[in-house]
Amino acid sequence: MFPVTVPRSQLICSEATPYYHIVSRCVRRSYLCGVDTVTQQSFEHRRGWIEDKLKALSTVFCIDICAYAIMNNHYHLVLSIDCDGVKKLTEREVIERWCTLHEMPLLIERYLIQQDLHSSTKEVCQHIISEWRERLSSISWFMKILNQTIARLANKEDDCTGHFWEGRFKSQALLDGKALLTAMAYVDLNPIRANMADSLETSDFTSVKERLSALKSKKLTPPCLHPFIGNPTNEMIKGIPFRLDDYLEIVDWSGKQINPNKRGAIEAAAPPVLQQLKIEQKEWLKLCTTLEKSRASLVGEVKSYAHAIHKLQRKRHTGLKITSAA
């Protein structure tokens, strides 16, 4: 679906944008989740594997989950790299986080308890910790650990070996707020587009259902998801720069327009947030249904491209340009 010959360093760069749309697909005929139509074996429980691992990794990595949807043979994520957060971690915090996923080397144990170490040995330890810090804000490492965990569990359950996922996950850089909101809606509407659900409330294993469930429990944001903060005046506030109510309204409206079972329905008035974003209804609905098919590695307004291309060191790119309404 996306270009596969571009180095990952030219697809993901936190200096270009912290936001990315990620897709990872299963390579085998058998489903990642759902029910295999040939064998009638159910793999529904694997959705829980992915969701649980996502939540666990969100507490370790300095990467926030804006949206997710777990489908039958693939899953979607919208991730935000917390560049400031990873810089603020102390050495001890970096070690503790990384070693929740991997065994702690003896050398680092000695460094932690302040044993007498030669200066050159201390430099080695500091270099290792520096590498771990970089990895804690790396989408590539986030995806590597997530996919390896699920592949091991699935291969053990299927009593087989070999690749479970495609060789590389696919990524799209989301260059601005319009691109971010579009990608989140695209991800959350996956079950409705696939006719697996007819409402947001029945869209199982999606971030939008998780957010709706949290609201019913009188919680603004589920612990594993990046919060909506509106239009913040305080730059220290970290979160998605839109109101949750506006997002839920536009996703609900979009779902009613694209639901295969409601093609003959009279279109309701578009939510006000579309006017605020200055996006035409037709373009918004097109973006919400064809984002992945566009093969674009960059998504955003034209004015967002120059900075991103420079930071990604790209001479050529495939981009999906979001135009503003007149």
Protein backbone atom coordinates (compact mmCIF):
# COMPACT_ATOMS: atom_id res chain seq x y z
CA MET A 1 0.00 0.00 0.00
CA PHE A 2 2.86 2.41 0.82
CA PRO A 3 6.37 2.74 -0.67
CA VAL A 4 8.57 -0.09 0.57
CA THR A 5 12.01 0.91 -0.70
CA VAL A 6 12.49 4.09 1.32
CA PRO A 7 14.77 3.83 4.40
CA ARG A 8 12.84 4.02 7.67
CA SER A 9 14.86 7.10 8.68
CA GLN A 10 13.30 8.91 5.72
CA LEU A 11 9.80 7.86 6.73
CA ILE A 12 9.87 8.58 10.47
CA CYS A 13 11.54 11.60 12.02
CA SER A 14 10.25 13.26 15.17
CA GLU A 15 11.70 16.61 14.04
CA ALA A 16 9.46 16.50 10.95
CA THR A 17 6.32 15.59 12.90
CA PRO A 18 5.58 13.58 16.06
CA TYR A 19 2.45 11.99 14.55
CA TYR A 20 2.36 8.81 12.43
CA HIS A 21 -0.26 6.46 11.02
CA ILE A 22 1.00 2.87 11.28
CA VAL A 23 -0.36 -0.32 9.66
CA SER A 24 0.89 -3.85 10.27
CA ARG A 25 -0.48 -6.86 8.36
CA CYS A 26 -0.41 -10.60 8.83
CA VAL A 27 1.18 -12.66 6.02
CA ARG A 28 -0.41 -16.06 6.56
CA ARG A 29 -3.79 -17.16 5.24
CA SER A 30 -5.12 -17.69 8.75
CA TYR A 31 -6.57 -14.70 10.46
CA LEU A 32 -4.76 -12.52 12.94
CA CYS A 33 -8.11 -12.25 14.70
CA GLY A 34 -11.72 -13.08 13.88
CA VAL A 35 -12.99 -16.48 12.69
CA ASP A 36 -11.27 -18.46 9.94
CA THR A 37 -13.96 -19.15 7.34
CA VAL A 38 -12.22 -22.37 6.23
CA THR A 39 -11.42 -24.03 9.55
CA GLN A 40 -14.11 -22.19 11.58
CA GLN A 41 -11.49 -21.68 14.28
CA SER A 42 -11.90 -18.47 16.26
CA PHE A 43 -8.94 -16.19 16.86
CA GLU A 44 -10.94 -13.43 18.54
CA HIS A 45 -8.85 -13.69 21.70
CA ARG A 46 -5.81 -12.42 19.80
CA ARG A 47 -7.38 -8.97 19.66
CA GLY A 48 -6.96 -8.91 23.42
CA TRP A 49 -3.29 -9.86 23.07
CA ILE A 50 -2.64 -6.82 20.90
CA GLU A 51 -4.73 -4.44 22.98
CA ASP A 52 -3.10 -5.57 26.23
CA LYS A 53 0.40 -5.27 24.77
CA LEU A 54 -0.37 -1.82 23.39
CA LYS A 55 -1.47 -0.64 26.80
CA ALA A 56 1.61 -2.12 28.44
CA LEU A 57 4.02 -0.57 25.94
CA SER A 58 2.37 2.84 26.31
CA THR A 59 3.55 2.89 29.94
CA VAL A 60 7.14 2.02 28.97
CA PHE A 61 7.80 3.97 25.77
CA CYS A 62 7.59 7.74 25.37
CA ILE A 63 5.12 7.14 22.58
CA ASP A 64 1.45 8.03 23.01
CA ILE A 65 -1.44 6.16 21.37
CA CYS A 66 -3.87 8.56 19.70
CA ALA A 67 -5.99 5.91 17.97
CA TYR A 68 -6.04 2.20 17.20
CA ALA A 69 -8.22 -0.40 15.48
CA ILE A 70 -7.57 -4.14 15.52
CA MET A 71 -9.00 -5.87 12.45
CA ASN A 72 -9.04 -9.48 11.20
CA ASN A 73 -5.66 -9.62 9.46
CA HIS A 74 -4.11 -6.26 10.33
CA TYR A 75 -4.21 -3.40 12.78
CA HIS A 76 -3.93 0.39 12.62
CA LEU A 77 -2.31 2.82 15.04
CA VAL A 78 -1.92 6.58 15.20
CA LEU A 79 1.11 7.27 17.39
CA SER A 80 2.65 10.43 18.83
CA ILE A 81 6.34 10.58 19.75
CA ASP A 82 6.89 12.37 23.08
CA CYS A 83 10.26 13.97 22.33
CA ASP A 84 10.24 16.23 25.39
CA GLY A 85 9.17 13.42 27.71
CA VAL A 86 12.03 11.11 26.78
CA LYS A 87 14.59 13.90 27.31
CA LYS A 88 13.30 14.50 30.85
CA LEU A 89 13.79 10.88 31.95
CA THR A 90 16.60 10.33 34.43
CA GLU A 91 19.17 7.61 33.75
CA ARG A 92 17.51 5.43 36.40
CA GLU A 93 14.08 5.91 34.79
CA VAL A 94 15.49 4.96 31.38
CA ILE A 95 17.03 1.80 32.84
CA GLU A 96 13.87 0.84 34.75
CA ARG A 97 11.65 1.32 31.71
CA TRP A 98 13.87 -0.55 29.27
CA CYS A 99 14.49 -3.40 31.69
CA THR A 100 10.79 -4.07 32.12
CA LEU A 101 11.09 -5.47 28.58
CA HIS A 102 14.62 -6.91 28.62
CA GLU A 103 16.94 -8.50 31.14
CA MET A 104 19.26 -5.99 32.79
CA PRO A 105 22.95 -6.48 31.89
CA LEU A 106 25.26 -7.13 34.84
CA LEU A 107 27.33 -4.08 33.89
CA ILE A 108 24.28 -1.81 34.23
CA GLU A 109 23.41 -3.41 37.58
CA ARG A 110 26.88 -2.49 38.85
CA TYR A 111 26.49 1.02 37.44
CA LEU A 112 23.17 1.45 39.26
CA ILE A 113 24.51 0.46 42.67
CA GLN A 114 27.48 2.78 42.21
CA GLN A 115 30.14 0.08 42.37
CA ASP A 116 33.67 1.22 41.70
CA LEU A 117 33.93 1.34 37.94
CA HIS A 118 36.69 2.55 35.70
CA SER A 119 35.89 5.78 33.88
CA SER A 120 35.94 3.98 30.53
CA THR A 121 33.43 1.44 31.89
CA LYS A 122 31.16 4.25 33.05
CA GLU A 123 31.31 5.73 29.57
CA VAL A 124 30.23 2.39 28.11
CA CYS A 125 27.27 2.27 30.54
CA GLN A 126 26.29 5.83 29.71
CA HIS A 127 26.45 5.02 26.01
CA ILE A 128 24.17 2.01 26.52
CA ILE A 129 21.69 4.10 28.50
CA SER A 130 21.78 6.78 25.80
CA GLU A 131 20.88 4.14 23.20
CA TRP A 132 18.01 2.91 25.37
CA ARG A 133 16.75 6.49 25.70
CA GLU A 134 16.64 6.82 21.91
CA ARG A 135 14.83 3.51 21.60
CA LEU A 136 12.17 4.59 24.11
CA SER A 137 11.02 7.23 21.62
CA SER A 138 11.45 5.03 18.54
CA ILE A 139 8.35 3.85 16.70
CA SER A 140 10.47 1.16 15.03
CA TRP A 141 11.40 -0.34 18.42
CA PHE A 142 7.84 0.05 19.69
CA MET A 143 6.53 -1.90 16.69
CA LYS A 144 9.33 -4.46 16.84
CA ILE A 145 8.52 -5.44 20.42
CA LEU A 146 4.77 -5.38 19.83
CA ASN A 147 4.91 -7.56 16.70
CA GLN A 148 7.52 -9.97 18.05
CA THR A 149 5.40 -10.61 21.14
CA ILE A 150 2.24 -11.32 19.14
CA ALA A 151 4.11 -13.43 16.56
CA ARG A 152 5.61 -15.66 19.28
CA LEU A 153 2.21 -16.18 20.91
CA ALA A 154 0.47 -16.89 17.58
CA ASN A 155 3.18 -19.27 16.31
CA LYS A 156 3.08 -21.18 19.59
CA GLU A 157 -0.70 -21.44 19.41
CA ASP A 158 -0.61 -22.47 15.72
CA ASP A 159 2.28 -24.89 16.40
CA CYS A 160 4.34 -23.51 13.53
CA THR A 161 7.33 -21.31 12.78
CA GLY A 162 8.13 -18.59 10.28
CA HIS A 163 6.99 -15.07 9.59
CA PHE A 164 3.67 -13.96 11.03
CA TRP A 165 3.82 -10.31 9.91
CA GLU A 166 4.80 -8.61 6.68
CA GLY A 167 8.47 -7.69 6.60
CA ARG A 168 7.85 -4.04 7.47
CA PHE A 169 5.06 -2.07 9.01
CA LYS A 170 3.74 0.78 6.86
CA SER A 171 3.89 4.38 8.03
CA GLN A 172 2.43 7.73 7.02
CA ALA A 173 3.76 10.99 8.46
CA LEU A 174 0.90 13.22 9.63
CA LEU A 175 2.22 16.73 9.16
CA ASP A 176 -0.44 18.88 10.85
CA GLY A 177 -3.68 18.90 12.84
CA LYS A 178 -5.88 18.22 9.83
CA ALA A 179 -3.83 15.16 8.91
CA LEU A 180 -3.86 13.93 12.51
CA LEU A 181 -7.63 14.20 12.88
CA THR A 182 -8.18 12.61 9.46
CA ALA A 183 -5.96 9.63 10.26
CA MET A 184 -7.57 9.10 13.67
CA ALA A 185 -11.04 9.12 12.12
CA TYR A 186 -9.85 6.77 9.35
CA VAL A 187 -8.53 4.33 11.96
CA ASP A 188 -11.56 4.48 14.27
CA LEU A 189 -13.96 4.00 11.34
CA ASN A 190 -12.24 0.82 10.09
CA PRO A 191 -14.84 -1.63 11.51
CA ILE A 192 -17.70 0.45 10.07
CA ARG A 193 -16.10 0.64 6.62
CA ALA A 194 -15.53 -3.13 6.74
CA ASN A 195 -19.17 -3.69 7.79
CA MET A 196 -18.01 -5.32 11.03
CA ALA A 197 -19.93 -2.78 13.13
CA ASP A 198 -22.76 -0.33 12.52
CA SER A 199 -21.97 2.18 15.25
CA LEU A 200 -19.06 3.52 17.28
CA GLU A 201 -20.42 1.82 20.40
CA THR A 202 -20.22 -1.60 18.71
CA SER A 203 -16.79 -1.04 17.11
CA ASP A 204 -14.91 -3.49 19.30
CA PHE A 205 -11.17 -3.13 19.84
CA THR A 206 -11.00 0.46 18.68
CA SER A 207 -9.82 3.55 20.51
CA VAL A 208 -13.10 5.36 19.90
CA LYS A 209 -15.04 2.66 21.77
CA GLU A 210 -12.44 2.82 24.54
CA ARG A 211 -12.99 6.58 24.79
CA LEU A 212 -16.78 6.20 24.82
CA SER A 213 -16.57 3.57 27.55
CA ALA A 214 -14.38 5.89 29.60
CA LEU A 215 -16.92 8.69 29.25
CA LYS A 216 -19.68 6.42 30.52
CA SER A 217 -17.49 5.73 33.54
CA LYS A 218 -17.08 9.50 33.97
CA LYS A 219 -13.44 9.40 32.91
CA LEU A 220 -12.26 11.85 30.29
CA THR A 221 -9.45 9.69 28.91
CA PRO A 222 -8.59 5.97 29.17
CA PRO A 223 -5.15 5.51 30.79
CA CYS A 224 -3.54 4.12 27.64
CA LEU A 225 -4.75 6.83 25.22
CA HIS A 226 -3.43 10.30 24.44
CA PRO A 227 -5.91 12.87 25.81
CA PHE A 228 -7.81 15.52 23.87
CA ILE A 229 -6.96 18.96 25.26
CA GLY A 230 -8.82 21.33 22.95
CA ASN A 231 -6.85 24.38 21.82
CA PRO A 232 -4.34 24.71 24.65
CA THR A 233 -3.11 28.11 25.75
CA ASN A 234 -0.54 26.48 28.02
CA GLU A 235 2.21 24.98 25.86
CA MET A 236 3.18 22.67 28.72
CA ILE A 237 -0.07 20.72 28.29
CA LYS A 238 0.48 17.56 26.25
CA GLY A 239 -2.30 16.10 24.16
CA ILE A 240 -4.35 16.11 20.95
CA PRO A 241 -5.14 19.72 19.98
CA PHE A 242 -8.89 19.22 19.53
CA ARG A 243 -11.94 18.83 21.76
CA LEU A 244 -13.08 15.27 22.44
CA ASP A 245 -16.73 16.20 21.87
CA ASP A 246 -15.90 17.60 18.44
CA TYR A 247 -13.95 14.48 17.51
CA LEU A 248 -16.69 12.09 18.61
CA GLU A 249 -19.27 14.14 16.73
CA ILE A 250 -17.35 14.17 13.46
CA VAL A 251 -16.47 10.45 13.65
CA ASP A 252 -20.09 9.53 14.44
CA TRP A 253 -21.34 11.68 11.56
CA SER A 254 -18.74 10.24 9.17
CA GLY A 255 -19.63 6.68 10.17
CA LYS A 256 -23.29 7.27 9.33
CA GLN A 257 -22.30 8.53 5.86
CA ILE A 258 -20.02 5.62 4.96
CA ASN A 259 -21.86 2.73 6.64
CA PRO A 260 -22.57 0.21 3.83
CA ASN A 261 -25.99 -0.54 5.35
CA LYS A 262 -27.08 3.09 5.26
CA ARG A 263 -26.21 4.21 1.75
CA GLY A 264 -29.73 5.49 1.13
CA ALA A 265 -29.92 7.54 4.30
CA ILE A 266 -30.44 11.30 4.07
CA GLU A 267 -27.22 13.02 5.02
CA ALA A 268 -27.34 14.89 8.30
CA ALA A 269 -25.79 18.33 8.63
CA ALA A 270 -22.00 18.20 8.87
CA PRO A 271 -20.48 18.92 12.29
CA PRO A 272 -19.22 22.49 12.90
CA VAL A 273 -15.65 21.23 13.36
CA LEU A 274 -15.46 20.65 9.59
CA GLN A 275 -15.98 24.36 9.06
CA GLN A 276 -13.34 25.11 11.70
CA LEU A 277 -10.91 22.83 9.85
CA LYS A 278 -11.94 24.38 6.52
CA ILE A 279 -12.42 21.01 4.86
CA GLU A 280 -15.23 20.29 2.39
CA GLN A 281 -17.60 17.44 3.31
CA LYS A 282 -16.78 15.42 0.20
CA GLU A 283 -13.04 15.75 0.72
CA TRP A 284 -13.32 14.77 4.39
CA LEU A 285 -15.35 11.65 3.57
CA LYS A 286 -12.91 10.76 0.79
CA LEU A 287 -9.97 11.08 3.19
CA CYS A 288 -11.77 8.95 5.80
CA THR A 289 -12.21 6.12 3.31
CA THR A 290 -9.10 6.24 1.11
CA LEU A 291 -6.25 7.42 3.36
CA GLU A 292 -4.36 4.14 3.19
CA LYS A 293 -5.14 3.54 -0.48
CA SER A 294 -3.54 6.84 -1.43
CA ARG A 295 -0.06 5.24 -1.02
CA ALA A 296 1.08 8.55 0.48
CA SER A 297 3.98 8.60 2.91
CA LEU A 298 3.22 12.22 3.84
CA VAL A 299 -0.22 13.60 4.68
CA GLY A 300 -1.05 17.25 5.37
CA GLU A 301 -1.59 20.71 3.98
CA VAL A 302 0.73 21.97 1.25
CA LYS A 303 2.32 24.49 3.60
CA SER A 304 3.41 21.63 5.92
CA TYR A 305 5.43 19.80 3.27
CA ALA A 306 8.60 21.88 2.88
CA HIS A 307 9.68 21.54 6.53
CA ALA A 308 8.92 17.82 6.65
CA ILE A 309 10.73 16.99 3.41
CA HIS A 310 13.83 18.84 4.63
CA LYS A 311 13.86 17.02 7.98
CA LEU A 312 13.20 13.63 6.35
CA GLN A 313 15.96 14.30 3.79
CA ARG A 314 13.63 13.38 0.99
CA LYS A 315 14.21 14.45 -2.61
CA ARG A 316 11.07 12.72 -3.82
CA HIS A 317 7.93 11.80 -1.92
CA THR A 318 4.40 10.55 -2.35
CA GLY A 319 2.07 12.95 -0.60
CA LEU A 320 -1.63 13.33 0.06
CA LYS A 321 -2.33 17.05 0.15
CA ILE A 322 -5.31 18.23 2.17
CA THR A 323 -6.83 21.32 0.53
CA SER A 324 -8.68 24.02 2.47
CA ALA A 325 -12.26 24.97 1.63
CA ALA A 326 -12.76 28.36 0.05
